[in-house]
Amino acid sequence: MIKPLKIGSVTLPNNLILAPMAGVTDLPFRLLCKEQGAGLLCMEMVSAKAVLYNNKNTEELLKTDKKESPIAVQLFGSEPQIMADIAKRLAERDFDRKNSYKEIVNLINDLIGEDKNAN
């Protein structure tokens, strides 16, 4: 049954979510899925270290279009602090204009155990 879906403070128009798929969920494919009614789009999984080192192939995976909102980024890595720093950096890119930077930073801080008022 297709219906709105609430995740935290974000309400999606429906519960049709595009899963991240390596080699598949690039920008043109995501736009096609949005046109067909996907409520949330997920990018391919990206390495936090590749973002840290400004890898051009990874930057290509992170390209978005304003029509994609809302969109999710899935990071992977083995160093929690690097992942938290990259998540903060990506949050500043404003992938989803419906989520505030402060909300995202608070979530990250909860995950790594930092004081919310420090930011």
Protein backbone atom coordinates (compact mmCIF):
# COMPACT_ATOMS: atom_id res chain seq x y z
CA MET A 1 0.00 0.00 0.00
CA ILE A 2 1.44 3.35 -1.04
CA LYS A 3 1.15 5.98 1.68
CA PRO A 4 3.15 8.90 3.16
CA LEU A 5 6.12 7.88 5.31
CA LYS A 6 7.61 9.83 8.21
CA ILE A 7 11.30 9.38 9.08
CA GLY A 8 12.27 11.56 12.03
CA SER A 9 11.10 15.07 11.22
CA VAL A 10 10.91 14.42 7.46
CA THR A 11 7.64 13.34 5.87
CA LEU A 12 8.03 11.67 2.48
CA PRO A 13 5.21 11.88 -0.06
CA ASN A 14 5.09 8.09 -0.22
CA ASN A 15 6.86 4.93 0.93
CA LEU A 16 8.50 4.15 -2.42
CA ILE A 17 12.24 4.32 -1.68
CA LEU A 18 14.99 3.78 -4.23
CA ALA A 19 17.70 1.60 -2.65
CA PRO A 20 21.36 2.49 -3.21
CA MET A 21 22.78 0.18 -5.90
CA ALA A 22 26.42 0.32 -6.96
CA GLY A 23 26.77 1.08 -10.64
CA VAL A 24 23.03 1.76 -11.01
CA THR A 25 21.79 4.70 -8.95
CA ASP A 26 23.54 7.48 -10.83
CA LEU A 27 21.94 10.88 -11.47
CA PRO A 28 20.02 9.99 -14.67
CA PHE A 29 18.60 6.80 -13.11
CA ARG A 30 17.55 8.64 -9.94
CA LEU A 31 15.79 11.32 -11.99
CA LEU A 32 13.93 8.63 -13.91
CA CYS A 33 12.85 7.01 -10.63
CA LYS A 34 11.69 10.38 -9.29
CA GLU A 35 9.63 10.93 -12.45
CA GLN A 36 8.05 7.51 -11.87
CA GLY A 37 7.04 8.46 -8.31
CA ALA A 38 9.83 7.50 -5.91
CA GLY A 39 9.32 9.27 -2.56
CA LEU A 40 13.00 9.07 -1.53
CA LEU A 41 16.07 8.60 -3.67
CA CYS A 42 19.33 7.08 -2.41
CA MET A 43 22.68 7.65 -4.07
CA GLU A 44 25.26 4.94 -4.49
CA MET A 45 27.20 4.19 -1.33
CA VAL A 46 30.28 6.43 -1.13
CA SER A 47 33.49 6.13 0.81
CA ALA A 48 34.00 8.76 3.51
CA LYS A 49 37.75 8.71 2.82
CA ALA A 50 37.19 9.22 -0.91
CA VAL A 51 35.14 12.34 -0.09
CA LEU A 52 37.84 13.45 2.39
CA TYR A 53 40.49 13.23 -0.33
CA ASN A 54 38.24 14.88 -2.96
CA ASN A 55 38.28 11.86 -5.25
CA LYS A 56 36.86 13.04 -8.60
CA ASN A 57 35.00 9.75 -9.27
CA THR A 58 33.30 10.01 -5.89
CA GLU A 59 32.42 13.65 -6.52
CA GLU A 60 30.74 12.50 -9.73
CA LEU A 61 28.61 10.05 -7.70
CA LEU A 62 27.56 12.92 -5.42
CA LYS A 63 26.17 15.14 -8.19
CA THR A 64 22.52 15.98 -7.67
CA ASP A 65 19.66 17.82 -9.33
CA LYS A 66 17.19 20.00 -7.45
CA LYS A 67 14.37 17.74 -8.74
CA GLU A 68 15.71 14.87 -6.61
CA SER A 69 14.70 16.21 -3.22
CA PRO A 70 14.57 14.48 -0.84
CA ILE A 71 17.72 12.45 -1.40
CA ALA A 72 19.82 10.28 0.91
CA VAL A 73 23.57 9.75 0.94
CA GLN A 74 24.96 6.51 2.33
CA LEU A 75 28.55 6.70 3.62
CA PHE A 76 30.81 3.81 4.46
CA GLY A 77 34.09 3.72 6.30
CA SER A 78 35.86 2.33 9.34
CA GLU A 79 36.80 5.55 11.16
CA PRO A 80 33.81 7.10 12.98
CA GLN A 81 35.35 10.57 13.32
CA ILE A 82 36.15 10.82 9.60
CA MET A 83 32.64 9.60 8.76
CA ALA A 84 31.12 12.21 11.11
CA ASP A 85 33.27 14.99 9.62
CA ILE A 86 32.31 14.00 6.07
CA ALA A 87 28.63 13.73 7.01
CA LYS A 88 28.81 17.29 8.35
CA ARG A 89 30.54 18.44 5.15
CA LEU A 90 27.92 16.74 2.97
CA ALA A 91 25.11 18.22 5.07
CA GLU A 92 26.40 21.67 4.14
CA ARG A 93 25.84 20.84 0.46
CA ASP A 94 22.08 21.11 1.03
CA PHE A 95 21.11 17.91 -0.81
CA ASP A 96 17.66 18.09 0.74
CA ARG A 97 16.47 21.60 1.33
CA LYS A 98 13.77 20.31 3.70
CA ASN A 99 16.32 19.20 6.33
CA SER A 100 18.22 21.75 8.34
CA TYR A 101 21.96 21.55 8.79
CA LYS A 102 21.51 21.82 12.57
CA GLU A 103 19.22 18.74 12.64
CA ILE A 104 21.77 16.69 10.73
CA VAL A 105 24.67 17.84 12.91
CA ASN A 106 22.69 17.01 16.06
CA LEU A 107 22.02 13.50 14.74
CA ILE A 108 25.71 13.02 13.93
CA ASN A 109 26.72 14.29 17.36
CA ASP A 110 24.30 11.85 18.99
CA LEU A 111 25.89 9.03 17.02
CA ILE A 112 29.46 9.93 18.02
CA GLY A 113 28.61 11.12 21.52
CA GLU A 114 29.44 14.84 21.24
CA ASP A 115 27.66 17.74 22.93
CA LYS A 116 24.84 19.12 20.72
CA ASN A 117 25.50 22.67 21.91
CA ALA A 118 29.10 22.59 20.67
CA ASN A 119 28.03 23.50 17.11
